[in-house]
Amino acid sequence: MSQQLVERLQREFGDRILAATGMHGDESVTVSRQDLPLVLAHLRDQEGCEQLSDIVGVDHPERAARFEVVYLLRSYSKRHRIQVSVDAPEDEPVPTACGLYRSANWHEREVYDLFGIPFSGHPDLRRILCHHQFEGHALRKDYPIEQGQECTRPENLFSDEDIAHAARRANEMSSSPGAVVDELHPSDLLTINLGPSHPATHGALRAECLLDGETILDARTEIGYIHRCFEKEAEDHTWAQVMPYTDRLNYCSAMLNNSIYAMAVEKMFGVEATPRAQAIRVIVSELSRIIDHLVCVCTNLVDLGALTNYWYLYNVRESIYQSLEKLCGSRLTTNYARIGGMSHDLYDGFEDEIRVKLQELEQGVTDVTKLVARNRIFLDRTVGVGAISTADALNWGYTGPCLRATGLAWDLRKEAPYSGYDQYEFDIPTGTNGDTQDRIMVRMAEMVQSRRIIEQVLQKIPGGPVDLDDPRMVLPPKAQVYGSIEGVMNQFKLIFEGIQVPAGRGYGFGEGANGELGFYCISDGTGHPYRMKVRPPCFPIFSSFTSLVQGRMLPDAIATLGSLNIIAGELDR
């Protein structure tokens, strides 16, 4: 379908489509900067591309037009996706896409921050991951990786003009014919910091809220508190050495990150893992989804004051962690998957142990559902709070449980099956209102479906090796290393030079715990990624937070934030 879309674009725009390429199942067209808004508008309005999933910046210092900007678009209604690429000479602006997609705001800010590419017409073009005192652009090839920079003073997100504008807007909204309303002055408003020193923001998020009493008139968010520049580090390490870094993305479901990253690199080779490795990846991925949902639901309910539920579910999470720790030797950052397979097979008794823990999960979910499903306090705090429609969610870049809570049954495990997910039966839980209650209950239902998937895999898990027989990417057995010069040299080259991924590019993605987790990989044929762009699910979701809380009470912001499940390691990278 994507190839047919490219053909339609070529018929529509003729020679304004400067190039069309297809690689690893990803279709891409190149257009000029001047034609970009027209092409993006056509894709949205005529081809059903409701969502701008991500924007990727690439630095090519050797080119006359130094930078490349790649737009990843997806159609949910017509089930196709396409990439649109433009070249951007240094210091020459690219037209903003903010008027077409709300998700473009933060994506363009990220490209501007890390590459210095300006976007003309952007409403708020400033840094987003690096701090406001940062000099230079971290993802340019000529920026030294070891050059860190300190931030010595905080940034005020609201100006006096912003506060005055909010007061005027509040007066306009509150006035009605015949009503007597006291005029609100800027001096009547109060700005407070919701985080980072707040239990609900976990020391890593900040929202500066503009309050009229306890009503939020406006809010501005700041992120980047634990930004480690994962993507810069990836360029400085081999493809295999990136694997432990993926643990530090969504550290609540590290094995999901491992598996999706491994698949992204395998896609560049045009290979798939062995049937047994795929089955193991499904098991550990669904266990990771469960423990991620558990911590989200648990902490969200604690933020609402419902502590009892925490113990019903958190004990189950701890029990699953014990098995994962036995499996890979580590608890939180697992480093279990490998490019081409897994680090090792399951241990004896793993299957029976997991079956017992899935029964504990069933009991815990049942108990908590009974406690909250018809609880008056829970319903008052969640129903209608932080609600968003399906159309708006797509426009903001929502995926995963937060999107399904709006009523759209979209799950990449069914829409673009991988690792044998098409062999298993499971349902896609959805909500109706896209509010805090729906987001919590969708995750509760998804844990039941993950349990269902794992039980099916355990019933028919295939035998055989967990690694491909492919010396290009898989370390040789120790017997070969110790017993032959070929084995020694193979291991030496894979370790010191790195896996030589074929030159080209590809976008590998899967259904992470928070939604679509993707890795846009560019290889120049060496042992290091030339460019590694992470598409973190909660980055576009958190960009909508200010719109969700405007006009709500301050406690509603806490309830909403927890239901979005923002993981700072994934958000900031």
Protein backbone atom coordinates (compact mmCIF):
# COMPACT_ATOMS: atom_id res chain seq x y z
CA MET A 1 0.00 0.00 0.00
CA SER A 2 2.87 2.40 0.75
CA GLN A 3 4.33 1.83 -2.71
CA GLN A 4 0.98 2.71 -4.26
CA LEU A 5 0.91 5.86 -2.14
CA VAL A 6 4.28 6.90 -3.57
CA GLU A 7 2.98 6.36 -7.09
CA ARG A 8 -0.05 8.55 -6.37
CA LEU A 9 2.22 11.28 -5.02
CA GLN A 10 4.32 11.14 -8.18
CA ARG A 11 1.22 11.50 -10.33
CA GLU A 12 -0.06 14.37 -8.18
CA PHE A 13 3.14 16.37 -7.86
CA GLY A 14 5.18 15.26 -10.88
CA ASP A 15 8.80 16.41 -10.85
CA ARG A 16 8.30 18.15 -7.51
CA ILE A 17 8.88 14.66 -6.06
CA LEU A 18 12.66 14.88 -6.39
CA ALA A 19 13.30 11.22 -5.53
CA ALA A 20 11.45 8.11 -4.40
CA THR A 21 13.18 5.23 -2.65
CA GLY A 22 12.17 2.01 -0.95
CA MET A 23 14.39 0.13 1.47
CA HIS A 24 13.56 -2.59 3.99
CA GLY A 25 9.85 -1.97 3.45
CA ASP A 26 10.09 1.75 4.17
CA GLU A 27 8.91 4.02 1.37
CA SER A 28 10.31 7.53 1.18
CA VAL A 29 9.97 10.57 -1.07
CA THR A 30 12.21 13.63 -1.22
CA VAL A 31 10.78 17.10 -1.83
CA SER A 32 12.08 20.65 -1.68
CA ARG A 33 11.63 22.76 1.43
CA GLN A 34 9.26 25.03 -0.48
CA ASP A 35 7.01 22.12 -1.44
CA LEU A 36 7.09 20.45 1.98
CA PRO A 37 3.94 22.13 3.43
CA LEU A 38 1.96 21.32 0.30
CA VAL A 39 3.00 17.65 0.28
CA LEU A 40 2.37 17.21 4.02
CA ALA A 41 -1.06 18.84 3.70
CA HIS A 42 -1.92 16.56 0.78
CA LEU A 43 -0.84 13.48 2.73
CA ARG A 44 -2.96 14.52 5.70
CA ASP A 45 -6.08 15.65 3.87
CA GLN A 46 -6.13 13.39 0.80
CA GLU A 47 -4.20 10.30 1.85
CA GLY A 48 -5.40 9.93 5.43
CA CYS A 49 -2.02 10.39 7.16
CA GLU A 50 -3.54 11.55 10.43
CA GLN A 51 -0.34 11.35 12.41
CA LEU A 52 3.15 12.78 12.23
CA SER A 53 4.92 10.09 14.26
CA ASP A 54 8.37 11.64 14.40
CA ILE A 55 10.83 14.02 12.76
CA VAL A 56 14.42 12.87 12.28
CA GLY A 57 17.36 15.21 11.80
CA VAL A 58 20.52 13.95 10.09
CA ASP A 59 23.87 15.71 9.77
CA HIS A 60 25.85 15.22 6.54
CA PRO A 61 28.86 17.59 6.94
CA GLU A 62 30.24 16.62 3.54
CA ARG A 63 27.14 17.74 1.63
CA ALA A 64 26.42 21.21 0.28
CA ALA A 65 23.01 21.01 1.93
CA ARG A 66 24.40 19.83 5.24
CA PHE A 67 21.24 18.64 6.95
CA GLU A 68 18.42 16.28 6.14
CA VAL A 69 15.03 16.32 7.86
CA VAL A 70 12.86 13.20 7.62
CA TYR A 71 9.15 13.20 8.51
CA LEU A 72 7.59 9.86 9.52
CA LEU A 73 3.85 9.79 8.80
CA ARG A 74 1.28 7.09 9.44
CA SER A 75 -2.31 6.58 8.30
CA TYR A 76 -4.52 4.73 10.75
CA SER A 77 -7.60 4.80 8.53
CA LYS A 78 -5.86 3.52 5.38
CA ARG A 79 -3.11 1.57 7.15
CA HIS A 80 -0.05 2.84 5.35
CA ARG A 81 2.98 4.89 6.30
CA ILE A 82 5.48 7.00 4.43
CA GLN A 83 8.60 9.08 5.00
CA VAL A 84 9.07 12.55 3.53
CA SER A 85 12.60 13.89 3.35
CA VAL A 86 13.92 17.43 2.70
CA ASP A 87 17.46 18.79 2.44
CA ALA A 88 18.31 21.82 4.57
CA PRO A 89 21.44 23.95 4.08
CA GLU A 90 22.94 25.22 7.31
CA ASP A 91 21.08 28.20 8.84
CA GLU A 92 18.35 28.10 6.19
CA PRO A 93 14.90 27.45 7.67
CA VAL A 94 12.52 24.60 6.96
CA PRO A 95 8.80 25.51 6.97
CA THR A 96 7.11 24.40 10.17
CA ALA A 97 4.51 21.64 10.17
CA CYS A 98 2.87 22.92 13.38
CA GLY A 99 -0.16 24.18 11.47
CA LEU A 100 -0.81 20.65 10.22
CA TYR A 101 0.19 18.44 13.16
CA ARG A 102 0.33 19.40 16.83
CA SER A 103 3.02 16.77 17.39
CA ALA A 104 5.33 18.79 15.13
CA ASN A 105 5.85 21.39 17.87
CA TRP A 106 8.07 19.29 20.12
CA HIS A 107 9.58 17.23 17.29
CA GLU A 108 10.77 20.37 15.54
CA ARG A 109 12.08 21.82 18.79
CA GLU A 110 14.14 18.66 19.28
CA VAL A 111 15.65 18.88 15.79
CA TYR A 112 16.39 22.57 16.35
CA ASP A 113 17.94 21.88 19.75
CA LEU A 114 20.22 19.02 18.70
CA PHE A 115 21.09 20.10 15.13
CA GLY A 116 20.41 23.84 15.00
CA ILE A 117 18.00 23.53 12.07
CA PRO A 118 15.54 26.46 12.23
CA PHE A 119 11.85 26.06 11.41
CA SER A 120 10.17 29.16 10.02
CA GLY A 121 6.76 29.89 11.52
CA HIS A 122 7.27 27.73 14.60
CA PRO A 123 5.33 29.27 17.53
CA ASP A 124 7.88 28.47 20.27
CA LEU A 125 11.24 27.49 18.78
CA ARG A 126 13.57 26.99 21.73
CA ARG A 127 15.61 24.18 23.23
CA ILE A 128 13.79 21.21 24.69
CA LEU A 129 16.25 18.46 25.75
CA CYS A 130 19.40 20.50 26.35
CA HIS A 131 19.12 23.32 28.87
CA HIS A 132 18.56 26.93 27.88
CA GLN A 133 22.21 27.90 28.57
CA PHE A 134 23.60 25.16 26.31
CA GLU A 135 25.90 26.37 23.53
CA GLY A 136 26.19 24.50 20.25
CA HIS A 137 24.17 21.53 19.01
CA ALA A 138 24.94 18.12 20.48
CA LEU A 139 24.09 15.86 17.54
CA ARG A 140 26.17 17.67 14.96
CA LYS A 141 29.06 15.49 13.89
CA ASP A 142 31.58 18.15 14.91
CA TYR A 143 30.28 18.51 18.48
CA PRO A 144 32.68 16.72 20.91
CA ILE A 145 30.89 13.91 22.71
CA GLU A 146 32.81 14.52 25.93
CA GLN A 147 31.87 18.22 26.12
CA GLY A 148 29.22 18.55 28.80
CA GLN A 149 27.79 21.89 29.86
CA GLU A 150 26.35 22.97 33.19
CA CYS A 151 23.15 24.91 33.78
CA THR A 152 23.54 27.55 36.48
CA ARG A 153 20.12 29.23 36.58
CA PRO A 154 16.51 28.16 36.05
CA GLU A 155 14.37 29.27 33.13
CA ASN A 156 11.13 31.14 33.66
CA LEU A 157 8.63 29.57 31.29
CA PHE A 158 6.02 32.34 31.64
CA SER A 159 6.71 35.97 30.77
CA ASP A 160 4.70 38.95 32.06
CA GLU A 161 3.09 39.17 28.61
CA ASP A 162 2.03 35.50 28.81
CA ILE A 163 0.40 36.08 32.21
CA ALA A 164 -1.45 39.17 31.00
CA HIS A 165 -2.69 37.30 27.95
CA ALA A 166 -3.94 34.43 30.12
CA ALA A 167 -5.83 36.88 32.33
CA ARG A 168 -7.52 38.45 29.31
CA ARG A 169 -8.43 35.03 27.92
CA ALA A 170 -9.87 33.94 31.28
CA ASN A 171 -12.04 37.05 31.42
CA GLU A 172 -13.33 36.45 27.90
CA MET A 173 -14.19 32.83 28.73
CA SER A 174 -15.94 33.66 32.00
CA SER A 175 -18.03 36.56 30.73
CA SER A 176 -21.51 36.00 29.32
CA PRO A 177 -24.45 38.29 28.42
CA GLY A 178 -26.10 39.62 31.54
CA ALA A 179 -23.51 38.22 33.92
CA VAL A 180 -21.61 40.37 36.37
CA VAL A 181 -17.99 39.19 36.45
CA ASP A 182 -15.12 40.72 38.37
CA GLU A 183 -12.28 41.44 36.00
CA LEU A 184 -9.23 39.26 36.54
CA HIS A 185 -5.90 41.11 36.59
CA PRO A 186 -2.46 39.59 35.96
CA SER A 187 -1.53 40.35 39.56
CA ASP A 188 -4.36 38.07 40.72
CA LEU A 189 -2.68 35.05 39.10
CA LEU A 190 -0.09 32.80 40.68
CA THR A 191 2.60 30.73 38.98
CA ILE A 192 3.76 27.57 40.73
CA ASN A 193 6.15 24.80 39.81
CA LEU A 194 4.58 21.37 39.65
CA GLY A 195 7.82 19.43 39.85
CA PRO A 196 10.53 18.47 39.48
CA SER A 197 10.55 18.29 43.30
CA HIS A 198 7.13 16.71 43.56
CA PRO A 199 6.32 13.03 44.25
CA ALA A 200 4.15 12.79 41.14
CA THR A 201 6.90 14.10 38.82
CA HIS A 202 9.64 11.80 40.16
CA GLY A 203 12.28 14.50 40.06
CA ALA A 204 12.39 14.53 36.27
CA LEU A 205 9.46 16.62 35.01
CA ARG A 206 8.50 20.24 35.49
CA ALA A 207 5.25 22.00 34.70
CA GLU A 208 4.97 25.68 35.50
CA CYS A 209 1.27 26.27 36.11
CA LEU A 210 -0.53 29.58 35.96
CA LEU A 211 -3.31 29.47 38.54
CA ASP A 212 -6.46 31.39 39.26
CA GLY A 213 -7.14 29.95 42.69
CA GLU A 214 -6.77 26.22 42.08
CA THR A 215 -7.83 26.41 38.43
CA ILE A 216 -5.07 26.00 35.87
CA LEU A 217 -5.39 28.75 33.27
CA ASP A 218 -2.26 27.68 31.42
CA ALA A 219 0.78 25.47 31.87
CA ARG A 220 4.22 25.15 30.31
CA THR A 221 6.34 22.04 30.59
CA GLU A 222 10.09 21.56 30.79
CA ILE A 223 11.89 18.27 30.24
CA GLY A 224 15.49 17.14 29.79
CA TYR A 225 16.39 16.72 33.45
CA ILE A 226 18.00 13.30 32.79
CA HIS A 227 18.87 13.78 29.12
CA ARG A 228 21.92 11.59 28.38
CA CYS A 229 21.93 12.00 24.59
CA PHE A 230 21.39 8.31 23.90
CA GLU A 231 21.60 9.05 20.18
CA LYS A 232 25.03 10.69 20.44
CA GLU A 233 26.30 7.79 22.52
CA ALA A 234 24.99 5.35 19.91
CA GLU A 235 27.16 7.01 17.24
CA ASP A 236 30.19 6.53 19.48
CA HIS A 237 29.62 2.82 20.13
CA THR A 238 29.13 -0.34 18.13
CA TRP A 239 25.68 -1.62 17.23
CA ALA A 240 25.95 -4.33 19.91
CA GLN A 241 27.19 -1.90 22.56
CA VAL A 242 23.98 0.13 22.11
CA MET A 243 21.92 -2.76 23.54
CA PRO A 244 22.57 -1.93 27.25
CA TYR A 245 21.67 1.70 26.54
CA THR A 246 18.21 0.63 25.42
CA ASP A 247 17.62 -0.64 28.97
CA ARG A 248 17.88 2.97 30.13
CA LEU A 249 15.04 4.17 27.91
CA ASN A 250 11.84 2.84 29.45
CA TYR A 251 13.54 1.22 32.42
CA CYS A 252 10.18 -0.12 33.61
CA SER A 253 10.05 -2.49 30.63
CA ALA A 254 13.68 -2.89 29.57
CA MET A 255 13.26 -6.24 27.79
CA LEU A 256 10.72 -4.69 25.43
CA ASN A 257 13.33 -2.08 24.47
CA ASN A 258 15.93 -4.82 23.96
CA SER A 259 13.73 -6.88 21.68
CA ILE A 260 12.50 -3.99 19.52
CA TYR A 261 16.02 -2.63 19.08
CA ALA A 262 17.34 -6.07 18.10
CA MET A 263 14.55 -6.39 15.51
CA ALA A 264 15.37 -2.95 14.11
CA VAL A 265 18.99 -3.94 13.45
CA GLU A 266 17.98 -7.37 12.14
CA LYS A 267 15.70 -5.55 9.70
CA MET A 268 18.78 -3.79 8.30
CA PHE A 269 20.24 -7.24 7.56
CA GLY A 270 16.96 -8.56 6.17
CA VAL A 271 16.84 -11.45 8.66
CA GLU A 272 14.56 -12.63 11.47
CA ALA A 273 15.49 -14.30 14.73
CA THR A 274 15.00 -18.04 15.18
CA PRO A 275 11.50 -19.29 16.09
CA ARG A 276 12.61 -20.03 19.66
CA ALA A 277 14.22 -16.61 20.07
CA GLN A 278 11.05 -14.94 18.78
CA ALA A 279 8.93 -16.92 21.25
CA ILE A 280 11.22 -15.96 24.13
CA ARG A 281 11.09 -12.34 23.07
CA VAL A 282 7.30 -12.45 23.14
CA ILE A 283 7.31 -13.95 26.65
CA VAL A 284 9.74 -11.45 28.15
CA SER A 285 8.16 -8.55 26.25
CA GLU A 286 4.71 -9.34 27.62
CA LEU A 287 6.11 -9.80 31.12
CA SER A 288 7.73 -6.38 30.68
CA ARG A 289 4.43 -4.91 29.52
CA ILE A 290 2.76 -6.33 32.61
CA ILE A 291 5.28 -4.92 35.09
CA ASP A 292 5.22 -1.57 33.28
CA HIS A 293 1.43 -1.39 33.49
CA LEU A 294 1.59 -2.51 37.12
CA VAL A 295 3.88 0.32 38.15
CA CYS A 296 1.81 2.81 36.15
CA VAL A 297 -1.50 1.77 37.66
CA CYS A 298 -0.04 1.38 41.15
CA THR A 299 1.59 4.80 41.30
CA ASN A 300 -1.37 6.50 39.59
CA LEU A 301 -3.71 5.10 42.25
CA VAL A 302 -1.30 6.14 45.02
CA ASP A 303 -1.27 9.67 43.60
CA LEU A 304 -5.06 9.58 43.93
CA GLY A 305 -4.78 8.43 47.55
CA ALA A 306 -5.61 4.73 47.01
CA LEU A 307 -2.59 3.12 48.69
CA THR A 308 -4.13 -0.34 49.32
CA ASN A 309 -4.19 -1.14 45.61
CA TYR A 310 -0.45 -0.56 45.46
CA TRP A 311 0.26 -3.59 47.65
CA TYR A 312 -2.17 -5.86 45.81
CA LEU A 313 -0.37 -5.22 42.53
CA TYR A 314 3.18 -4.34 43.52
CA ASN A 315 3.77 -7.71 45.18
CA VAL A 316 2.96 -9.34 41.84
CA ARG A 317 5.45 -7.04 40.10
CA GLU A 318 8.15 -7.95 42.59
CA SER A 319 7.45 -11.64 42.04
CA ILE A 320 7.87 -11.29 38.26
CA TYR A 321 11.09 -9.33 38.77
CA GLN A 322 12.51 -12.26 40.72
CA SER A 323 12.11 -14.51 37.69
CA LEU A 324 13.56 -11.93 35.30
CA GLU A 325 16.54 -11.48 37.60
CA LYS A 326 17.14 -15.23 37.61
CA LEU A 327 16.84 -15.23 33.83
CA CYS A 328 19.35 -12.52 32.99
CA GLY A 329 21.25 -11.78 36.20
CA SER A 330 19.92 -8.25 36.50
CA ARG A 331 16.74 -6.74 37.81
CA LEU A 332 16.01 -3.41 36.14
CA THR A 333 18.46 -3.04 33.25
CA THR A 334 18.43 -6.49 31.75
CA ASN A 335 20.52 -6.50 28.52
CA TYR A 336 18.97 -9.86 27.63
CA ALA A 337 18.36 -9.69 23.87
CA ARG A 338 21.10 -9.78 21.26
CA ILE A 339 21.21 -8.81 17.61
CA GLY A 340 20.43 -12.13 15.96
CA GLY A 341 19.03 -13.84 19.04
CA MET A 342 19.26 -13.81 22.83
CA SER A 343 22.17 -13.79 25.25
CA HIS A 344 21.15 -17.29 26.45
CA ASP A 345 18.19 -19.65 26.68
CA LEU A 346 15.57 -19.92 29.40
CA TYR A 347 16.57 -21.64 32.62
CA ASP A 348 15.07 -24.96 33.70
CA GLY A 349 11.74 -24.50 35.42
CA PHE A 350 11.15 -21.02 34.00
CA GLU A 351 7.90 -21.97 32.29
CA ASP A 352 6.30 -23.50 35.41
CA GLU A 353 7.46 -20.60 37.55
CA ILE A 354 5.89 -18.04 35.21
CA ARG A 355 2.58 -19.93 35.12
CA VAL A 356 2.33 -19.61 38.92
CA LYS A 357 3.07 -15.90 38.77
CA LEU A 358 0.47 -15.36 36.07
CA GLN A 359 -2.09 -16.84 38.45
CA GLU A 360 -0.95 -14.33 41.09
CA LEU A 361 -1.39 -11.58 38.51
CA GLU A 362 -4.94 -12.70 37.74
CA GLN A 363 -5.84 -12.57 41.43
CA GLY A 364 -4.22 -9.15 41.90
CA VAL A 365 -5.97 -7.61 38.89
CA THR A 366 -9.30 -9.06 40.05
CA ASP A 367 -8.89 -7.67 43.56
CA VAL A 368 -7.91 -4.17 42.41
CA THR A 369 -10.70 -4.07 39.84
CA LYS A 370 -13.19 -4.80 42.61
CA LEU A 371 -11.69 -2.03 44.72
CA VAL A 372 -11.77 0.74 42.13
CA ALA A 373 -14.19 -0.05 39.28
CA ARG A 374 -17.26 1.24 41.16
CA ASN A 375 -15.49 3.27 43.83
CA ARG A 376 -17.10 6.71 44.11
CA ILE A 377 -13.87 8.52 45.01
CA PHE A 378 -11.96 6.88 42.16
CA LEU A 379 -14.68 7.74 39.66
CA ASP A 380 -14.92 11.34 40.84
CA ARG A 381 -11.17 11.75 40.45
CA THR A 382 -10.84 10.10 37.01
CA VAL A 383 -14.05 10.23 34.93
CA GLY A 384 -13.84 13.10 32.45
CA VAL A 385 -10.44 14.16 33.78
CA GLY A 386 -7.75 14.73 31.16
CA ALA A 387 -10.07 13.57 28.37
CA ILE A 388 -8.99 13.67 24.74
CA SER A 389 -10.71 12.62 21.52
CA THR A 390 -9.32 10.11 19.03
CA ALA A 391 -8.74 12.78 16.39
CA ASP A 392 -6.86 15.02 18.80
CA ALA A 393 -4.87 12.09 20.17
CA LEU A 394 -3.70 11.17 16.67
CA ASN A 395 -2.84 14.78 15.95
CA TRP A 396 -0.72 14.97 19.10
CA GLY A 397 1.07 11.71 18.18
CA TYR A 398 -0.56 9.34 20.69
CA THR A 399 0.03 5.61 20.40
CA GLY A 400 -0.42 2.65 22.75
CA PRO A 401 -2.80 2.51 25.75
CA CYS A 402 -3.38 6.28 25.76
CA LEU A 403 -4.61 6.12 22.15
CA ARG A 404 -6.64 2.96 22.69
CA ALA A 405 -8.31 4.65 25.68
CA THR A 406 -9.96 7.03 23.18
CA GLY A 407 -11.69 4.11 21.46
CA LEU A 408 -9.29 3.34 18.59
CA ALA A 409 -8.37 -0.37 18.57
CA TRP A 410 -4.86 0.01 17.16
CA ASP A 411 -2.06 -2.28 18.29
CA LEU A 412 1.09 -2.93 16.26
CA ARG A 413 1.13 -6.53 17.44
CA LYS A 414 -1.96 -7.00 15.26
CA GLU A 415 -1.59 -4.25 12.66
CA ALA A 416 2.05 -5.03 11.83
CA PRO A 417 2.68 -8.40 13.52
CA TYR A 418 6.24 -9.38 14.40
CA SER A 419 7.92 -12.17 16.40
CA GLY A 420 4.98 -14.47 15.64
CA TYR A 421 2.29 -12.34 17.31
CA ASP A 422 -0.08 -13.31 14.50
CA GLN A 423 -0.04 -16.87 15.86
CA TYR A 424 -1.65 -15.89 19.17
CA GLU A 425 -5.20 -14.92 20.01
CA PHE A 426 -5.73 -11.79 22.07
CA ASP A 427 -8.08 -8.83 22.18
CA ILE A 428 -7.33 -5.11 22.03
CA PRO A 429 -8.93 -3.37 25.03
CA THR A 430 -10.28 0.11 24.33
CA GLY A 431 -11.96 2.92 26.22
CA THR A 432 -14.63 5.37 25.16
CA ASN A 433 -13.81 8.82 26.55
CA GLY A 434 -10.02 8.96 26.47
CA ASP A 435 -9.94 10.15 30.08
CA THR A 436 -7.90 9.15 33.12
CA GLN A 437 -10.30 6.35 34.06
CA ASP A 438 -10.11 4.83 30.57
CA ARG A 439 -6.32 4.99 30.52
CA ILE A 440 -6.13 3.14 33.84
CA MET A 441 -8.73 0.52 32.98
CA VAL A 442 -7.26 -0.12 29.51
CA ARG A 443 -3.94 -0.97 31.13
CA MET A 444 -5.71 -3.25 33.62
CA ALA A 445 -7.37 -5.09 30.72
CA GLU A 446 -4.13 -5.24 28.73
CA MET A 447 -2.42 -7.11 31.55
CA VAL A 448 -5.08 -9.80 31.23
CA GLN A 449 -4.40 -10.03 27.49
CA SER A 450 -0.63 -10.19 28.04
CA ARG A 451 -1.18 -13.07 30.45
CA ARG A 452 -3.27 -14.75 27.76
CA ILE A 453 -0.50 -14.35 25.19
CA ILE A 454 2.21 -15.71 27.48
CA GLU A 455 0.15 -18.79 28.32
CA GLN A 456 -0.27 -19.54 24.60
CA VAL A 457 3.47 -19.17 23.97
CA LEU A 458 4.32 -21.45 26.90
CA GLN A 459 2.03 -24.12 25.49
CA LYS A 460 3.83 -24.32 22.16
CA ILE A 461 7.25 -22.75 22.60
CA PRO A 462 9.45 -24.21 19.84
CA GLY A 463 12.77 -25.91 20.37
CA GLY A 464 16.01 -25.18 18.57
CA PRO A 465 18.71 -22.56 18.98
CA VAL A 466 18.13 -19.05 20.29
CA ASP A 467 20.76 -17.53 17.97
CA LEU A 468 20.99 -17.35 14.22
CA ASP A 469 23.81 -19.26 12.55
CA ASP A 470 25.16 -16.04 11.10
CA PRO A 471 28.79 -15.05 11.80
CA ARG A 472 28.08 -11.49 10.61
CA MET A 473 26.26 -10.67 13.84
CA VAL A 474 26.39 -13.58 16.32
CA LEU A 475 29.45 -14.40 18.39
CA PRO A 476 30.83 -17.90 17.67
CA PRO A 477 30.50 -20.67 20.28
CA LYS A 478 33.33 -20.73 22.80
CA ALA A 479 34.46 -24.11 21.49
CA GLN A 480 35.19 -22.46 18.13
CA VAL A 481 36.90 -19.50 19.77
CA TYR A 482 39.17 -21.73 21.84
CA GLY A 483 39.70 -24.34 19.12
CA SER A 484 40.11 -22.53 15.80
CA ILE A 485 41.77 -19.44 14.38
CA GLU A 486 38.56 -18.69 12.45
CA GLY A 487 36.58 -18.57 15.69
CA VAL A 488 39.13 -16.33 17.36
CA MET A 489 39.17 -13.88 14.46
CA ASN A 490 35.39 -13.86 14.14
CA GLN A 491 34.95 -12.95 17.80
CA PHE A 492 37.79 -10.42 17.67
CA LYS A 493 36.29 -8.55 14.71
CA LEU A 494 32.75 -8.56 16.12
CA ILE A 495 33.97 -7.22 19.47
CA PHE A 496 36.55 -4.66 18.35
CA GLU A 497 35.18 -3.57 14.98
CA GLY A 498 31.51 -4.18 15.70
CA ILE A 499 28.78 -5.77 13.61
CA GLN A 500 29.10 -4.46 10.05
CA VAL A 501 25.51 -3.50 9.33
CA PRO A 502 24.92 -3.09 5.57
CA ALA A 503 24.84 0.52 4.39
CA GLY A 504 21.34 1.92 4.20
CA ARG A 505 18.55 2.96 6.49
CA GLY A 506 15.47 1.44 8.05
CA TYR A 507 12.84 2.13 10.68
CA GLY A 508 12.24 -0.74 13.07
CA PHE A 509 9.34 -0.47 15.47
CA GLY A 510 7.13 -2.42 17.82
CA GLU A 511 4.42 -2.07 20.46
CA GLY A 512 6.16 -0.80 23.56
CA ALA A 513 4.41 -0.54 26.92
CA ASN A 514 3.55 3.12 26.25
CA GLY A 515 2.97 2.78 22.52
CA GLU A 516 5.04 2.75 19.35
CA LEU A 517 8.75 2.45 20.16
CA GLY A 518 10.83 2.92 17.03
CA PHE A 519 14.48 3.06 16.02
CA TYR A 520 15.35 4.92 12.82
CA CYS A 521 18.73 3.47 11.87
CA ILE A 522 21.19 4.81 9.31
CA SER A 523 24.27 2.72 8.58
CA ASP A 524 27.31 3.73 6.55
CA GLY A 525 28.51 0.13 6.49
CA THR A 526 30.81 0.44 9.51
CA GLY A 527 30.52 -1.05 12.97
CA HIS A 528 28.94 2.10 14.43
CA PRO A 529 25.53 3.60 13.66
CA TYR A 530 25.84 6.73 11.55
CA ARG A 531 22.55 7.92 13.00
CA MET A 532 20.25 6.32 15.55
CA LYS A 533 16.96 8.12 16.22
CA VAL A 534 14.65 6.83 18.93
CA ARG A 535 10.92 7.36 18.58
CA PRO A 536 9.88 7.35 22.28
CA PRO A 537 6.14 6.75 22.80
CA CYS A 538 5.65 9.16 25.70
CA PHE A 539 7.47 12.13 24.11
CA PRO A 540 4.53 13.24 21.93
CA ILE A 541 2.06 12.17 24.61
CA PHE A 542 3.60 14.46 27.23
CA SER A 543 3.65 17.33 24.72
CA SER A 544 -0.16 17.39 25.05
CA PHE A 545 -0.16 17.61 28.86
CA THR A 546 -0.70 21.37 29.01
CA SER A 547 -3.79 21.14 26.78
CA LEU A 548 -5.23 18.34 28.94
CA VAL A 549 -5.00 20.29 32.19
CA GLN A 550 -6.05 23.77 31.06
CA GLY A 551 -9.23 24.75 32.86
CA ARG A 552 -8.93 21.86 35.33
CA MET A 553 -8.18 21.94 39.04
CA LEU A 554 -4.65 21.38 40.26
CA PRO A 555 -5.38 17.87 41.68
CA ASP A 556 -6.67 16.87 38.23
CA ALA A 557 -3.22 17.55 36.79
CA ILE A 558 -1.75 14.95 39.15
CA ALA A 559 -4.34 12.34 38.19
CA THR A 560 -3.85 13.05 34.48
CA LEU A 561 -0.06 12.96 34.60
CA GLY A 562 0.01 9.54 36.25
CA SER A 563 -2.37 8.05 33.70
CA LEU A 564 -0.12 9.17 30.81
CA ASN A 565 2.73 7.06 32.27
CA ILE A 566 5.62 9.38 31.40
CA ILE A 567 8.93 7.54 31.83
CA ALA A 568 11.70 10.14 31.97
CA GLY A 569 14.44 7.87 30.59
CA GLU A 570 12.38 7.29 27.47
CA LEU A 571 11.17 10.89 27.30
CA ASP A 572 14.61 12.51 27.59
CA ARG A 573 16.83 9.75 26.27
